[in-house]
Amino acid sequence: MTRLALCICTALILIHPKEDLLKATYGYITNHLIYVNAKGSISNMEALDMVKEQYAANFEKVYRTNTKDEYYYKLPEADYYLAYEGQGRTTDEYLFHLYEFVLDEPDSGVGHAVTYGWYTVNRITGVITDQTQ
């Protein structure tokens, strides 16, 4: 599959100007290879969207209080979350957790998190790595 994609991209480069190539191959690249945006890297929220599509497709976006730029994802009707946690092991990685919040004491709201998935996304290549495997 990767060789075929490279052949297609090479053929398009020879035939089309750069702008047309980007438009023609964008969908294929984002679905099957890697994603690198025009800035040369992806933002933490773009990376979160990518992880959501792959591992939590039925989760809904929830904006953090007092901001329109940062959000997390939550499973409707349950306390399961997918959230950006910060930098991964290197400066080129973003870290994300898929977890459940378990309420231990309903009166006080005290509980704990059970993590089901740890994912990193390379901010340059867009490659998602499942750290739980």
N, C-alpha and C. Protein backbone atom coordinates (compact mmCIF):
# COMPACT_ATOMS: atom_id res chain seq x y z
N MET A 1 0.82 -1.19 0.00
CA MET A 1 0.00 0.00 0.00
C MET A 1 0.87 1.26 0.00
N THR A 2 1.92 1.29 0.79
CA THR A 2 2.77 2.47 0.87
C THR A 2 3.49 2.71 -0.45
N ARG A 3 3.98 1.64 -1.10
CA ARG A 3 4.65 1.80 -2.39
C ARG A 3 3.70 2.38 -3.44
N LEU A 4 2.48 1.89 -3.43
CA LEU A 4 1.48 2.40 -4.37
C LEU A 4 1.24 3.88 -4.12
N ALA A 5 1.13 4.27 -2.87
CA ALA A 5 0.90 5.68 -2.53
C ALA A 5 2.07 6.54 -2.99
N LEU A 6 3.28 6.07 -2.80
CA LEU A 6 4.45 6.83 -3.23
C LEU A 6 4.49 6.97 -4.74
N CYS A 7 4.12 5.91 -5.45
CA CYS A 7 4.08 5.98 -6.92
C CYS A 7 3.04 6.99 -7.38
N ILE A 8 1.88 6.97 -6.74
CA ILE A 8 0.82 7.92 -7.11
C ILE A 8 1.28 9.35 -6.85
N CYS A 9 1.87 9.57 -5.68
CA CYS A 9 2.34 10.92 -5.33
C CYS A 9 3.44 11.38 -6.28
N THR A 10 4.35 10.50 -6.64
CA THR A 10 5.43 10.84 -7.56
C THR A 10 4.86 11.21 -8.92
N ALA A 11 3.90 10.43 -9.40
CA ALA A 11 3.27 10.72 -10.69
C ALA A 11 2.56 12.07 -10.65
N LEU A 12 1.89 12.36 -9.57
CA LEU A 12 1.19 13.63 -9.45
C LEU A 12 2.16 14.81 -9.41
N ILE A 13 3.30 14.63 -8.78
CA ILE A 13 4.30 15.68 -8.72
C ILE A 13 4.79 16.03 -10.12
N LEU A 14 4.98 15.02 -10.94
CA LEU A 14 5.47 15.25 -12.29
C LEU A 14 4.43 15.94 -13.18
N ILE A 15 3.16 15.70 -12.89
CA ILE A 15 2.09 16.19 -13.76
C ILE A 15 1.50 17.52 -13.28
N HIS A 16 1.32 17.68 -11.96
CA HIS A 16 0.59 18.82 -11.41
C HIS A 16 1.50 19.78 -10.64
N PRO A 17 1.11 21.05 -10.61
CA PRO A 17 1.82 21.99 -9.74
C PRO A 17 1.61 21.59 -8.27
N LYS A 18 2.44 22.10 -7.40
CA LYS A 18 2.42 21.74 -5.98
C LYS A 18 1.04 21.93 -5.34
N GLU A 19 0.35 23.04 -5.62
CA GLU A 19 -0.95 23.30 -5.01
C GLU A 19 -1.96 22.23 -5.39
N ASP A 20 -1.97 21.84 -6.68
CA ASP A 20 -2.89 20.81 -7.13
C ASP A 20 -2.56 19.47 -6.50
N LEU A 21 -1.28 19.20 -6.34
CA LEU A 21 -0.87 17.94 -5.71
C LEU A 21 -1.39 17.86 -4.29
N LEU A 22 -1.26 18.94 -3.54
CA LEU A 22 -1.74 18.93 -2.16
C LEU A 22 -3.23 18.70 -2.10
N LYS A 23 -3.98 19.35 -2.97
CA LYS A 23 -5.43 19.18 -2.99
C LYS A 23 -5.81 17.76 -3.39
N ALA A 24 -5.13 17.21 -4.38
CA ALA A 24 -5.47 15.89 -4.91
C ALA A 24 -5.14 14.76 -3.95
N THR A 25 -4.07 14.91 -3.18
CA THR A 25 -3.63 13.79 -2.34
C THR A 25 -3.96 13.97 -0.87
N TYR A 26 -4.51 15.10 -0.48
CA TYR A 26 -4.76 15.36 0.94
C TYR A 26 -5.58 14.26 1.61
N GLY A 27 -6.70 13.88 1.00
CA GLY A 27 -7.54 12.85 1.60
C GLY A 27 -6.84 11.52 1.73
N TYR A 28 -6.09 11.12 0.71
CA TYR A 28 -5.38 9.85 0.77
C TYR A 28 -4.30 9.88 1.84
N ILE A 29 -3.55 10.96 1.88
CA ILE A 29 -2.45 11.05 2.85
C ILE A 29 -2.98 11.03 4.27
N THR A 30 -4.04 11.77 4.57
CA THR A 30 -4.54 11.82 5.93
C THR A 30 -5.15 10.50 6.36
N ASN A 31 -5.69 9.73 5.43
CA ASN A 31 -6.33 8.47 5.79
C ASN A 31 -5.38 7.28 5.81
N HIS A 32 -4.30 7.31 5.04
CA HIS A 32 -3.50 6.12 4.89
C HIS A 32 -2.01 6.27 5.20
N LEU A 33 -1.51 7.46 5.14
CA LEU A 33 -0.08 7.62 5.39
C LEU A 33 0.13 8.49 6.62
N ILE A 34 0.68 9.67 6.43
CA ILE A 34 0.92 10.57 7.54
C ILE A 34 0.40 11.95 7.18
N TYR A 35 0.24 12.79 8.18
CA TYR A 35 -0.27 14.13 7.94
C TYR A 35 0.75 15.14 8.43
N VAL A 36 1.16 16.01 7.55
CA VAL A 36 2.02 17.13 7.91
C VAL A 36 1.37 18.36 7.30
N ASN A 37 1.01 19.34 8.13
CA ASN A 37 0.32 20.50 7.58
C ASN A 37 1.31 21.51 7.01
N ALA A 38 0.80 22.59 6.48
CA ALA A 38 1.64 23.57 5.80
C ALA A 38 2.65 24.23 6.73
N LYS A 39 2.35 24.27 8.04
CA LYS A 39 3.27 24.88 8.99
C LYS A 39 4.47 23.97 9.29
N GLY A 40 4.39 22.72 8.89
CA GLY A 40 5.48 21.79 9.16
C GLY A 40 5.26 20.97 10.41
N SER A 41 4.23 21.29 11.18
CA SER A 41 3.89 20.49 12.35
C SER A 41 2.40 20.66 12.63
N ILE A 42 1.87 19.76 13.42
CA ILE A 42 0.46 19.84 13.77
C ILE A 42 0.34 20.33 15.21
N SER A 43 -0.78 20.94 15.51
CA SER A 43 -1.02 21.44 16.86
C SER A 43 -1.46 20.30 17.77
N ASN A 44 -1.46 20.55 19.07
CA ASN A 44 -1.91 19.53 20.01
C ASN A 44 -3.39 19.19 19.81
N MET A 45 -4.20 20.17 19.43
CA MET A 45 -5.62 19.90 19.22
C MET A 45 -5.86 19.15 17.91
N GLU A 46 -5.07 19.42 16.89
CA GLU A 46 -5.17 18.64 15.65
C GLU A 46 -4.79 17.19 15.92
N ALA A 47 -3.76 16.99 16.73
CA ALA A 47 -3.33 15.64 17.09
C ALA A 47 -4.41 14.94 17.92
N LEU A 48 -5.05 15.68 18.82
CA LEU A 48 -6.15 15.11 19.61
C LEU A 48 -7.27 14.64 18.69
N ASP A 49 -7.60 15.44 17.69
CA ASP A 49 -8.65 15.06 16.73
C ASP A 49 -8.28 13.77 16.01
N MET A 50 -7.02 13.62 15.66
CA MET A 50 -6.57 12.42 14.97
C MET A 50 -6.71 11.18 15.85
N VAL A 51 -6.34 11.30 17.12
CA VAL A 51 -6.46 10.17 18.06
C VAL A 51 -7.93 9.84 18.27
N LYS A 52 -8.76 10.86 18.39
CA LYS A 52 -10.20 10.65 18.57
C LYS A 52 -10.78 9.86 17.41
N GLU A 53 -10.43 10.23 16.19
CA GLU A 53 -10.95 9.53 15.02
C GLU A 53 -10.55 8.06 15.01
N GLN A 54 -9.36 7.77 15.48
CA GLN A 54 -8.87 6.39 15.43
C GLN A 54 -9.32 5.55 16.63
N TYR A 55 -9.41 6.14 17.82
CA TYR A 55 -9.64 5.34 19.03
C TYR A 55 -10.91 5.68 19.79
N ALA A 56 -11.57 6.77 19.47
CA ALA A 56 -12.75 7.18 20.24
C ALA A 56 -13.75 7.90 19.34
N ALA A 57 -14.10 7.28 18.24
CA ALA A 57 -14.91 7.92 17.21
C ALA A 57 -16.27 8.39 17.71
N ASN A 58 -16.83 7.73 18.71
CA ASN A 58 -18.17 8.10 19.19
C ASN A 58 -18.14 9.09 20.36
N PHE A 59 -16.98 9.64 20.68
CA PHE A 59 -16.87 10.65 21.73
C PHE A 59 -17.26 12.01 21.16
N GLU A 60 -17.71 12.91 22.05
CA GLU A 60 -18.11 14.25 21.64
C GLU A 60 -17.16 15.30 22.19
N LYS A 61 -16.99 16.38 21.43
CA LYS A 61 -16.08 17.46 21.82
C LYS A 61 -16.69 18.29 22.94
N VAL A 62 -15.87 18.59 23.96
CA VAL A 62 -16.27 19.44 25.07
C VAL A 62 -15.20 20.52 25.23
N TYR A 63 -15.61 21.79 25.12
CA TYR A 63 -14.64 22.88 25.27
C TYR A 63 -14.35 23.13 26.73
N ARG A 64 -13.07 23.39 27.02
CA ARG A 64 -12.67 23.73 28.38
C ARG A 64 -13.25 25.09 28.74
N THR A 65 -13.44 25.32 30.02
CA THR A 65 -14.02 26.56 30.51
C THR A 65 -13.20 27.77 30.06
N ASN A 66 -13.87 28.80 29.61
CA ASN A 66 -13.28 30.08 29.22
C ASN A 66 -12.30 30.01 28.05
N THR A 67 -12.44 29.05 27.18
CA THR A 67 -11.57 28.99 26.01
C THR A 67 -12.32 28.38 24.83
N LYS A 68 -11.99 28.87 23.65
CA LYS A 68 -12.57 28.30 22.44
C LYS A 68 -11.54 27.48 21.68
N ASP A 69 -10.30 27.49 22.19
CA ASP A 69 -9.22 26.82 21.47
C ASP A 69 -8.87 25.45 22.03
N GLU A 70 -9.16 25.19 23.29
CA GLU A 70 -8.79 23.92 23.90
C GLU A 70 -10.05 23.13 24.28
N TYR A 71 -9.97 21.84 24.06
CA TYR A 71 -11.09 20.97 24.34
C TYR A 71 -10.60 19.57 24.64
N TYR A 72 -11.52 18.71 25.02
CA TYR A 72 -11.26 17.29 25.21
C TYR A 72 -12.46 16.57 24.64
N TYR A 73 -12.43 15.26 24.65
CA TYR A 73 -13.56 14.48 24.17
C TYR A 73 -14.13 13.65 25.30
N LYS A 74 -15.46 13.48 25.29
CA LYS A 74 -16.16 12.71 26.33
C LYS A 74 -17.17 11.79 25.67
N LEU A 75 -17.29 10.61 26.22
CA LEU A 75 -18.30 9.67 25.75
C LEU A 75 -19.64 10.09 26.35
N PRO A 76 -20.66 10.32 25.51
CA PRO A 76 -21.96 10.73 26.06
C PRO A 76 -22.51 9.68 27.02
N GLU A 77 -23.15 10.15 28.05
CA GLU A 77 -23.81 9.29 29.03
C GLU A 77 -22.85 8.43 29.86
N ALA A 78 -21.56 8.75 29.84
CA ALA A 78 -20.59 7.99 30.64
C ALA A 78 -19.41 8.90 30.99
N ASP A 79 -18.62 8.50 31.94
CA ASP A 79 -17.48 9.30 32.37
C ASP A 79 -16.17 8.79 31.76
N TYR A 80 -16.17 8.64 30.44
CA TYR A 80 -14.97 8.26 29.69
C TYR A 80 -14.49 9.50 28.93
N TYR A 81 -13.18 9.72 28.96
CA TYR A 81 -12.60 10.94 28.38
C TYR A 81 -11.37 10.61 27.55
N LEU A 82 -11.14 11.46 26.54
CA LEU A 82 -9.90 11.46 25.78
C LEU A 82 -9.37 12.87 25.87
N ALA A 83 -8.15 13.02 26.42
CA ALA A 83 -7.65 14.37 26.67
C ALA A 83 -6.17 14.49 26.37
N TYR A 84 -5.79 15.69 25.99
CA TYR A 84 -4.38 16.04 25.80
C TYR A 84 -3.75 16.19 27.18
N GLU A 85 -2.60 15.54 27.39
CA GLU A 85 -1.96 15.57 28.69
C GLU A 85 -0.65 16.36 28.71
N GLY A 86 -0.16 16.75 27.56
CA GLY A 86 1.08 17.53 27.51
C GLY A 86 2.09 16.88 26.57
N GLN A 87 3.33 17.24 26.79
CA GLN A 87 4.43 16.73 25.97
C GLN A 87 4.68 15.26 26.29
N GLY A 88 5.02 14.51 25.25
CA GLY A 88 5.38 13.10 25.43
C GLY A 88 6.82 12.98 25.91
N ARG A 89 7.46 11.87 25.58
CA ARG A 89 8.84 11.64 26.01
C ARG A 89 9.84 12.58 25.34
N THR A 90 9.48 13.09 24.17
CA THR A 90 10.36 14.03 23.46
C THR A 90 9.58 15.30 23.15
N THR A 91 10.27 16.33 22.73
CA THR A 91 9.59 17.59 22.39
C THR A 91 8.79 17.48 21.10
N ASP A 92 9.00 16.42 20.33
CA ASP A 92 8.25 16.22 19.09
C ASP A 92 6.99 15.40 19.30
N GLU A 93 6.67 15.03 20.54
CA GLU A 93 5.51 14.19 20.80
C GLU A 93 4.49 14.89 21.68
N TYR A 94 3.21 14.64 21.38
CA TYR A 94 2.11 15.02 22.25
C TYR A 94 1.61 13.75 22.92
N LEU A 95 1.17 13.85 24.16
CA LEU A 95 0.68 12.71 24.93
C LEU A 95 -0.82 12.85 25.18
N PHE A 96 -1.56 11.76 24.99
CA PHE A 96 -3.01 11.74 25.19
C PHE A 96 -3.39 10.52 26.02
N HIS A 97 -4.41 10.69 26.86
CA HIS A 97 -4.93 9.59 27.67
C HIS A 97 -6.40 9.37 27.37
N LEU A 98 -6.78 8.11 27.30
CA LEU A 98 -8.17 7.70 27.22
C LEU A 98 -8.46 7.06 28.57
N TYR A 99 -9.36 7.67 29.33
CA TYR A 99 -9.56 7.18 30.69
C TYR A 99 -11.02 7.29 31.12
N GLU A 100 -11.31 6.61 32.23
CA GLU A 100 -12.62 6.66 32.85
C GLU A 100 -12.46 7.30 34.22
N PHE A 101 -13.37 8.19 34.58
CA PHE A 101 -13.37 8.74 35.94
C PHE A 101 -14.35 7.90 36.76
N VAL A 102 -13.85 7.31 37.85
CA VAL A 102 -14.66 6.48 38.73
C VAL A 102 -14.93 7.27 40.00
N LEU A 103 -16.20 7.49 40.29
CA LEU A 103 -16.60 8.24 41.48
C LEU A 103 -16.59 7.31 42.68
N ASP A 104 -15.70 7.59 43.64
CA ASP A 104 -15.58 6.75 44.84
C ASP A 104 -16.50 7.22 45.95
N GLU A 105 -16.63 8.51 46.13
CA GLU A 105 -17.44 9.09 47.20
C GLU A 105 -18.40 10.12 46.59
N PRO A 106 -19.64 9.72 46.33
CA PRO A 106 -20.59 10.61 45.67
C PRO A 106 -20.83 11.93 46.42
N ASP A 107 -20.81 11.89 47.73
CA ASP A 107 -21.08 13.12 48.50
C ASP A 107 -20.00 14.17 48.31
N SER A 108 -18.73 13.74 48.25
CA SER A 108 -17.63 14.69 48.14
C SER A 108 -17.14 14.88 46.70
N GLY A 109 -17.53 13.97 45.81
CA GLY A 109 -17.06 14.05 44.43
C GLY A 109 -15.67 13.47 44.23
N VAL A 110 -15.12 12.84 45.25
CA VAL A 110 -13.79 12.26 45.17
C VAL A 110 -13.85 10.97 44.36
N GLY A 111 -12.87 10.80 43.50
CA GLY A 111 -12.80 9.60 42.69
C GLY A 111 -11.40 9.38 42.18
N HIS A 112 -11.29 8.50 41.23
CA HIS A 112 -9.98 8.23 40.63
C HIS A 112 -10.15 7.93 39.14
N ALA A 113 -9.06 8.02 38.43
CA ALA A 113 -9.07 7.76 36.99
C ALA A 113 -8.49 6.38 36.70
N VAL A 114 -9.11 5.70 35.76
CA VAL A 114 -8.61 4.43 35.26
C VAL A 114 -8.24 4.66 33.80
N THR A 115 -6.96 4.57 33.49
CA THR A 115 -6.49 4.84 32.14
C THR A 115 -6.55 3.57 31.30
N TYR A 116 -7.19 3.69 30.14
CA TYR A 116 -7.32 2.57 29.21
C TYR A 116 -6.38 2.71 28.02
N GLY A 117 -6.03 3.93 27.69
CA GLY A 117 -5.16 4.14 26.53
C GLY A 117 -4.22 5.30 26.74
N TRP A 118 -2.97 5.10 26.34
CA TRP A 118 -1.94 6.14 26.34
C TRP A 118 -1.46 6.23 24.90
N TYR A 119 -1.55 7.40 24.30
CA TYR A 119 -1.19 7.56 22.91
C TYR A 119 -0.24 8.74 22.76
N THR A 120 0.72 8.61 21.86
CA THR A 120 1.56 9.74 21.50
C THR A 120 1.36 10.01 20.02
N VAL A 121 1.49 11.28 19.66
CA VAL A 121 1.41 11.69 18.26
C VAL A 121 2.65 12.53 17.98
N ASN A 122 3.38 12.14 16.94
CA ASN A 122 4.54 12.91 16.53
C ASN A 122 4.04 14.17 15.86
N ARG A 123 4.44 15.34 16.36
CA ARG A 123 3.91 16.61 15.86
C ARG A 123 4.39 16.94 14.46
N ILE A 124 5.46 16.30 14.00
CA ILE A 124 5.97 16.55 12.65
C ILE A 124 5.34 15.60 11.64
N THR A 125 5.32 14.31 11.94
CA THR A 125 4.83 13.31 10.99
C THR A 125 3.35 12.98 11.15
N GLY A 126 2.79 13.21 12.34
CA GLY A 126 1.41 12.84 12.60
C GLY A 126 1.23 11.37 12.92
N VAL A 127 2.31 10.63 13.09
CA VAL A 127 2.21 9.20 13.38
C VAL A 127 1.71 9.02 14.82
N ILE A 128 0.64 8.23 14.96
CA ILE A 128 0.06 7.92 16.26
C ILE A 128 0.65 6.60 16.75
N THR A 129 1.11 6.59 18.00
CA THR A 129 1.63 5.37 18.60
C THR A 129 0.81 5.03 19.83
N ASP A 130 0.28 3.80 19.86
CA ASP A 130 -0.46 3.31 21.01
C ASP A 130 0.55 2.81 22.02
N GLN A 131 0.70 3.52 23.13
CA GLN A 131 1.70 3.18 24.15
C GLN A 131 1.24 2.05 25.07
N THR A 132 -0.02 1.63 24.97
CA THR A 132 -0.54 0.58 25.85
C THR A 132 -0.25 -0.81 25.33
N GLN A 133 0.26 -0.91 24.12
CA GLN A 133 0.51 -2.25 23.55
C GLN A 133 1.92 -2.69 23.86
